[in-house]
């Protein structure tokens, strides 16, 4: 009988040791899994918080965006509203009573009228159209160090001042002052335009 009690006690001890071992393994696996899960989450947070640099924002503003330009030349307001994708552009010009729907493709500009296209060459009369070209603006400022505060970058050239505004993701507007002339260029849907038709 004494031997039977010893066998039962020995069996209980072995069972207890196995239970402790199994519980320890489960705890180790849970803790290890929790650490990996924590690391994965912190990496995702770091990726989502990664700030886009000003240079990246400037390079994103290329040839694919919606725009709203307001130009003041000698106290006359001219607006251009439209979208651009590569070498195609469609929009509307408003200047006083003049309202022109236009389409640009392969270096040619057309007025869209009565369902057809009619080539024109006066879309940008009396203003500096190079200041509406984002790539030209980038080349004007490429060798100049801006004075910047938060998301605003100011470039002082000999004959004009260029101010570029951005949010956390992209360039939102460019303002150019030159003598008494003022160019206000706003951008949206950068790199989101899929197709342009007239």
C-alpha atoms as a PDB file:
ATOM      1  CA  UNK A   1       0.000   0.000   0.000  1.00  0.00           C
ATOM      2  CA  UNK A   2       2.828   2.308   0.812  1.00  0.00           C
ATOM      3  CA  UNK A   3       4.265   1.611  -2.627  1.00  0.00           C
ATOM      4  CA  UNK A   4       0.903   2.444  -4.210  1.00  0.00           C
ATOM      5  CA  UNK A   5       0.867   5.832  -2.465  1.00  0.00           C
ATOM      6  CA  UNK A   6       4.438   6.482  -3.664  1.00  0.00           C
ATOM      7  CA  UNK A   7       3.435   5.653  -7.271  1.00  0.00           C
ATOM      8  CA  UNK A   8       0.393   7.958  -7.061  1.00  0.00           C
ATOM      9  CA  UNK A   9       2.479  10.750  -5.532  1.00  0.00           C
ATOM     10  CA  UNK A  10       5.158  10.269  -8.160  1.00  0.00           C
ATOM     11  CA  UNK A  11       2.519  10.346 -10.891  1.00  0.00           C
ATOM     12  CA  UNK A  12       1.019  13.558  -9.498  1.00  0.00           C
ATOM     13  CA  UNK A  13       4.445  15.176  -9.341  1.00  0.00           C
ATOM     14  CA  UNK A  14       5.200  14.205 -12.964  1.00  0.00           C
ATOM     15  CA  UNK A  15       1.787  15.481 -14.026  1.00  0.00           C
ATOM     16  CA  UNK A  16       2.357  18.764 -12.157  1.00  0.00           C
ATOM     17  CA  UNK A  17       5.792  19.158 -13.804  1.00  0.00           C
ATOM     18  CA  UNK A  18       4.266  18.577 -17.260  1.00  0.00           C
ATOM     19  CA  UNK A  19       1.474  21.058 -16.540  1.00  0.00           C
ATOM     20  CA  UNK A  20       3.998  23.677 -15.397  1.00  0.00           C
ATOM     21  CA  UNK A  21       6.068  23.010 -18.535  1.00  0.00           C
ATOM     22  CA  UNK A  22       3.029  23.325 -20.844  1.00  0.00           C
ATOM     23  CA  UNK A  23       1.826  26.500 -19.092  1.00  0.00           C
ATOM     24  CA  UNK A  24       5.342  28.007 -19.346  1.00  0.00           C
ATOM     25  CA  UNK A  25       5.449  27.218 -23.101  1.00  0.00           C
ATOM     26  CA  UNK A  26       2.034  28.802 -23.668  1.00  0.00           C
ATOM     27  CA  UNK A  27       3.117  31.935 -21.772  1.00  0.00           C
ATOM     28  CA  UNK A  28       6.374  32.167 -23.776  1.00  0.00           C
ATOM     29  CA  UNK A  29       4.525  31.764 -27.084  1.00  0.00           C
ATOM     30  CA  UNK A  30       1.924  34.413 -26.116  1.00  0.00           C
ATOM     31  CA  UNK A  31       4.569  36.920 -24.991  1.00  0.00           C
ATOM     32  CA  UNK A  32       6.649  36.307 -28.106  1.00  0.00           C
ATOM     33  CA  UNK A  33       3.595  36.720 -30.351  1.00  0.00           C
ATOM     34  CA  UNK A  34       2.595  39.905 -28.528  1.00  0.00           C
ATOM     35  CA  UNK A  35       6.063  41.434 -29.048  1.00  0.00           C
ATOM     36  CA  UNK A  36       6.016  40.629 -32.771  1.00  0.00           C
ATOM     37  CA  UNK A  37       2.512  42.042 -33.075  1.00  0.00           C
ATOM     38  CA  UNK A  38       3.640  45.200 -31.247  1.00  0.00           C
ATOM     39  CA  UNK A  39       6.635  45.553 -33.574  1.00  0.00           C
ATOM     40  CA  UNK A  40       4.412  45.141 -36.646  1.00  0.00           C
ATOM     41  CA  UNK A  41       2.027  47.803 -35.358  1.00  0.00           C
ATOM     42  CA  UNK A  42       4.836  50.246 -34.552  1.00  0.00           C
ATOM     43  CA  UNK A  43       6.340  49.759 -38.025  1.00  0.00           C
ATOM     44  CA  UNK A  44       2.929  50.503 -39.597  1.00  0.00           C
ATOM     45  CA  UNK A  45       2.585  53.630 -37.472  1.00  0.00           C
ATOM     46  CA  UNK A  46       6.055  54.779 -38.542  1.00  0.00           C
ATOM     47  CA  UNK A  47       5.175  54.195 -42.210  1.00  0.00           C
ATOM     48  CA  UNK A  48       1.892  56.110 -41.967  1.00  0.00           C
ATOM     49  CA  UNK A  49       3.552  58.994 -40.116  1.00  0.00           C
ATOM     50  CA  UNK A  50       6.459  59.229 -42.583  1.00  0.00           C
ATOM     51  CA  UNK A  51       6.541  62.821 -43.694  1.00  0.00           C
ATOM     52  CA  UNK A  52       6.790  63.667 -47.368  1.00  0.00           C
ATOM     53  CA  UNK A  53       9.618  66.118 -47.935  1.00  0.00           C
ATOM     54  CA  UNK A  54       9.172  69.421 -49.739  1.00  0.00           C
ATOM     55  CA  UNK A  55      11.380  68.159 -52.592  1.00  0.00           C
ATOM     56  CA  UNK A  56       9.134  65.086 -52.987  1.00  0.00           C
ATOM     57  CA  UNK A  57       6.022  67.272 -52.991  1.00  0.00           C
ATOM     58  CA  UNK A  58       7.570  69.540 -55.612  1.00  0.00           C
ATOM     59  CA  UNK A  59       8.535  66.600 -57.829  1.00  0.00           C
ATOM     60  CA  UNK A  60       4.989  65.162 -57.564  1.00  0.00           C
ATOM     61  CA  UNK A  61       3.601  68.362 -59.045  1.00  0.00           C
ATOM     62  CA  UNK A  62       4.439  67.500 -62.614  1.00  0.00           C
ATOM     63  CA  UNK A  63       1.920  67.185 -65.426  1.00  0.00           C
ATOM     64  CA  UNK A  64      -1.143  65.613 -63.838  1.00  0.00           C
ATOM     65  CA  UNK A  65      -3.485  67.779 -61.748  1.00  0.00           C
ATOM     66  CA  UNK A  66      -6.589  69.959 -61.567  1.00  0.00           C
ATOM     67  CA  UNK A  67      -5.960  73.678 -61.432  1.00  0.00           C
ATOM     68  CA  UNK A  68      -7.594  76.993 -60.704  1.00  0.00           C
ATOM     69  CA  UNK A  69      -5.490  79.988 -61.781  1.00  0.00           C
ATOM     70  CA  UNK A  70      -6.408  83.576 -61.006  1.00  0.00           C
ATOM     71  CA  UNK A  71      -4.215  86.194 -62.626  1.00  0.00           C
ATOM     72  CA  UNK A  72      -4.415  89.925 -61.998  1.00  0.00           C
ATOM     73  CA  UNK A  73      -2.744  91.923 -64.787  1.00  0.00           C
ATOM     74  CA  UNK A  74      -3.113  95.704 -64.470  1.00  0.00           C
ATOM     75  CA  UNK A  75      -6.195  95.187 -62.269  1.00  0.00           C
ATOM     76  CA  UNK A  76      -7.860  92.927 -64.837  1.00  0.00           C
ATOM     77  CA  UNK A  77      -8.766  89.457 -63.500  1.00  0.00           C
ATOM     78  CA  UNK A  78      -8.281  86.403 -65.737  1.00  0.00           C
ATOM     79  CA  UNK A  79      -9.154  82.908 -64.494  1.00  0.00           C
ATOM     80  CA  UNK A  80      -8.253  79.520 -65.906  1.00  0.00           C
ATOM     81  CA  UNK A  81      -9.928  76.439 -64.451  1.00  0.00           C
ATOM     82  CA  UNK A  82      -9.243  72.969 -65.755  1.00  0.00           C
ATOM     83  CA  UNK A  83      -7.171  69.813 -65.642  1.00  0.00           C
ATOM     84  CA  UNK A  84      -3.837  68.749 -67.093  1.00  0.00           C
ATOM     85  CA  UNK A  85      -2.479  65.321 -67.890  1.00  0.00           C
ATOM     86  CA  UNK A  86       0.809  64.981 -69.791  1.00  0.00           C
ATOM     87  CA  UNK A  87       0.463  66.960 -73.039  1.00  0.00           C
ATOM     88  CA  UNK A  88      -3.348  67.258 -72.795  1.00  0.00           C
ATOM     89  CA  UNK A  89      -5.228  70.005 -71.025  1.00  0.00           C
ATOM     90  CA  UNK A  90      -8.884  71.023 -70.896  1.00  0.00           C
ATOM     91  CA  UNK A  91     -10.339  74.052 -69.200  1.00  0.00           C
ATOM     92  CA  UNK A  92     -12.193  77.319 -69.215  1.00  0.00           C
ATOM     93  CA  UNK A  93     -10.807  80.851 -69.463  1.00  0.00           C
ATOM     94  CA  UNK A  94     -12.876  83.725 -68.078  1.00  0.00           C
ATOM     95  CA  UNK A  95     -11.795  87.295 -68.725  1.00  0.00           C
ATOM     96  CA  UNK A  96     -14.495  89.925 -68.243  1.00  0.00           C
ATOM     97  CA  UNK A  97     -17.352  88.933 -70.544  1.00  0.00           C
ATOM     98  CA  UNK A  98     -15.135  86.523 -72.479  1.00  0.00           C
ATOM     99  CA  UNK A  99     -15.647  82.844 -71.682  1.00  0.00           C
ATOM    100  CA  UNK A 100     -13.569  80.323 -73.664  1.00  0.00           C
ATOM    101  CA  UNK A 101     -13.613  76.547 -73.251  1.00  0.00           C
ATOM    102  CA  UNK A 102     -10.271  75.256 -74.464  1.00  0.00           C
ATOM    103  CA  UNK A 103      -8.442  72.035 -75.174  1.00  0.00           C
ATOM    104  CA  UNK A 104      -4.671  71.712 -75.579  1.00  0.00           C
ATOM    105  CA  UNK A 105      -2.872  68.765 -77.121  1.00  0.00           C
ATOM    106  CA  UNK A 106       0.560  68.203 -78.720  1.00  0.00           C
ATOM    107  CA  UNK A 107       1.479  71.893 -78.458  1.00  0.00           C
ATOM    108  CA  UNK A 108      -1.713  73.167 -80.107  1.00  0.00           C
ATOM    109  CA  UNK A 109      -4.521  75.090 -78.414  1.00  0.00           C
ATOM    110  CA  UNK A 110      -8.129  74.818 -79.522  1.00  0.00           C
ATOM    111  CA  UNK A 111     -11.325  76.572 -78.593  1.00  0.00           C
ATOM    112  CA  UNK A 112     -14.101  74.074 -77.966  1.00  0.00           C
ATOM    113  CA  UNK A 113     -17.207  75.519 -79.599  1.00  0.00           C
ATOM    114  CA  UNK A 114     -20.367  74.032 -81.076  1.00  0.00           C
ATOM    115  CA  UNK A 115     -19.043  70.486 -80.553  1.00  0.00           C
ATOM    116  CA  UNK A 116     -15.869  71.131 -82.545  1.00  0.00           C
ATOM    117  CA  UNK A 117     -12.278  72.234 -82.061  1.00  0.00           C
ATOM    118  CA  UNK A 118     -11.014  75.488 -83.584  1.00  0.00           C
ATOM    119  CA  UNK A 119      -7.305  76.287 -83.337  1.00  0.00           C
ATOM    120  CA  UNK A 120      -6.483  79.518 -81.480  1.00  0.00           C
ATOM    121  CA  UNK A 121      -3.282  81.271 -80.476  1.00  0.00           C
ATOM    122  CA  UNK A 122      -4.555  83.930 -78.066  1.00  0.00           C
ATOM    123  CA  UNK A 123      -5.375  81.969 -74.918  1.00  0.00           C
ATOM    124  CA  UNK A 124      -2.664  83.751 -72.927  1.00  0.00           C
ATOM    125  CA  UNK A 125      -2.740  87.250 -74.425  1.00  0.00           C
ATOM    126  CA  UNK A 126      -1.278  90.013 -72.186  1.00  0.00           C
ATOM    127  CA  UNK A 127       0.229  87.708 -69.583  1.00  0.00           C
ATOM    128  CA  UNK A 128       3.397  85.683 -69.064  1.00  0.00           C
ATOM    129  CA  UNK A 129       2.225  82.140 -69.865  1.00  0.00           C
ATOM    130  CA  UNK A 130       5.562  80.676 -68.693  1.00  0.00           C
ATOM    131  CA  UNK A 131       4.419  81.466 -65.146  1.00  0.00           C
ATOM    132  CA  UNK A 132       1.529  79.034 -65.618  1.00  0.00           C
ATOM    133  CA  UNK A 133       3.938  76.215 -66.480  1.00  0.00           C
ATOM    134  CA  UNK A 134       4.848  74.281 -63.330  1.00  0.00           C
ATOM    135  CA  UNK A 135       8.025  72.859 -64.860  1.00  0.00           C
ATOM    136  CA  UNK A 136       9.163  76.361 -65.841  1.00  0.00           C
ATOM    137  CA  UNK A 137       8.519  77.614 -62.295  1.00  0.00           C
ATOM    138  CA  UNK A 138      10.562  74.709 -60.923  1.00  0.00           C
ATOM    139  CA  UNK A 139      13.448  75.605 -63.236  1.00  0.00           C
ATOM    140  CA  UNK A 140      13.276  79.261 -62.118  1.00  0.00           C
ATOM    141  CA  UNK A 141      13.713  78.293 -58.449  1.00  0.00           C
ATOM    142  CA  UNK A 142      15.971  75.238 -58.721  1.00  0.00           C
ATOM    143  CA  UNK A 143      19.195  77.057 -57.749  1.00  0.00           C
ATOM    144  CA  UNK A 144      17.645  79.321 -55.126  1.00  0.00           C
ATOM    145  CA  UNK A 145      17.447  78.521 -51.427  1.00  0.00           C
ATOM    146  CA  UNK A 146      13.970  79.367 -50.175  1.00  0.00           C
ATOM    147  CA  UNK A 147      13.083  81.221 -47.045  1.00  0.00           C
ATOM    148  CA  UNK A 148      10.559  78.900 -45.448  1.00  0.00           C
ATOM    149  CA  UNK A 149       8.173  78.802 -42.519  1.00  0.00           C
ATOM    150  CA  UNK A 150       6.152  75.667 -41.825  1.00  0.00           C
ATOM    151  CA  UNK A 151       4.680  74.672 -45.193  1.00  0.00           C
ATOM    152  CA  UNK A 152       5.430  77.960 -47.018  1.00  0.00           C
ATOM    153  CA  UNK A 153       8.515  78.441 -49.207  1.00  0.00           C
ATOM    154  CA  UNK A 154       9.442  81.919 -50.477  1.00  0.00           C
ATOM    155  CA  UNK A 155      11.804  82.507 -53.394  1.00  0.00           C
ATOM    156  CA  UNK A 156      13.047  86.018 -54.106  1.00  0.00           C
ATOM    157  CA  UNK A 157      14.168  86.533 -57.690  1.00  0.00           C
ATOM    158  CA  UNK A 158      15.358  89.815 -59.167  1.00  0.00           C
ATOM    159  CA  UNK A 159      12.067  90.603 -60.908  1.00  0.00           C
ATOM    160  CA  UNK A 160       9.514  88.450 -59.058  1.00  0.00           C
ATOM    161  CA  UNK A 161       8.660  86.721 -55.802  1.00  0.00           C
ATOM    162  CA  UNK A 162       7.430  83.127 -55.826  1.00  0.00           C
ATOM    163  CA  UNK A 163       5.718  81.607 -52.799  1.00  0.00           C
ATOM    164  CA  UNK A 164       4.896  77.908 -52.732  1.00  0.00           C
ATOM    165  CA  UNK A 165       2.402  76.501 -50.217  1.00  0.00           C
ATOM    166  CA  UNK A 166       1.939  72.868 -49.272  1.00  0.00           C
ATOM    167  CA  UNK A 167       0.069  70.692 -46.844  1.00  0.00           C
ATOM    168  CA  UNK A 168       1.389  67.437 -45.345  1.00  0.00           C
ATOM    169  CA  UNK A 169       0.931  65.591 -48.662  1.00  0.00           C
ATOM    170  CA  UNK A 170       1.338  67.924 -51.635  1.00  0.00           C
ATOM    171  CA  UNK A 171       1.856  71.382 -53.079  1.00  0.00           C
ATOM    172  CA  UNK A 172      -1.475  73.226 -52.858  1.00  0.00           C
ATOM    173  CA  UNK A 173      -0.746  76.597 -54.454  1.00  0.00           C
ATOM    174  CA  UNK A 174       1.861  78.889 -55.936  1.00  0.00           C
ATOM    175  CA  UNK A 175       1.693  82.673 -55.794  1.00  0.00           C
ATOM    176  CA  UNK A 176       3.840  84.877 -57.997  1.00  0.00           C
ATOM    177  CA  UNK A 177       4.086  88.641 -57.716  1.00  0.00           C
ATOM    178  CA  UNK A 178       5.850  90.629 -60.385  1.00  0.00           C
ATOM    179  CA  UNK A 179       5.610  94.442 -60.446  1.00  0.00           C
ATOM    180  CA  UNK A 180       1.841  95.000 -60.107  1.00  0.00           C
ATOM    181  CA  UNK A 181       0.906  91.611 -61.571  1.00  0.00           C
ATOM    182  CA  UNK A 182      -0.246  88.704 -59.436  1.00  0.00           C
ATOM    183  CA  UNK A 183      -0.518  84.998 -60.339  1.00  0.00           C
ATOM    184  CA  UNK A 184      -2.412  82.740 -57.933  1.00  0.00           C
ATOM    185  CA  UNK A 185      -2.182  79.059 -58.962  1.00  0.00           C
ATOM    186  CA  UNK A 186      -4.092  76.415 -56.979  1.00  0.00           C
ATOM    187  CA  UNK A 187      -3.688  72.655 -57.476  1.00  0.00           C
ATOM    188  CA  UNK A 188      -5.681  69.578 -56.507  1.00  0.00           C
ATOM    189  CA  UNK A 189      -6.003  65.919 -57.504  1.00  0.00           C
ATOM    190  CA  UNK A 190      -2.261  65.727 -58.141  1.00  0.00           C
ATOM    191  CA  UNK A 191      -1.424  62.566 -60.124  1.00  0.00           C
ATOM    192  CA  UNK A 192      -5.096  61.515 -59.990  1.00  0.00           C
ATOM    193  CA  UNK A 193      -6.312  62.535 -63.473  1.00  0.00           C
ATOM    194  CA  UNK A 194      -6.921  59.403 -65.563  1.00  0.00           C
ATOM    195  CA  UNK A 195      -8.290  60.846 -68.800  1.00  0.00           C
ATOM    196  CA  UNK A 196      -8.922  64.193 -70.491  1.00  0.00           C
ATOM    197  CA  UNK A 197     -11.317  64.727 -73.344  1.00  0.00           C
ATOM    198  CA  UNK A 198     -12.745  67.898 -74.832  1.00  0.00           C
END
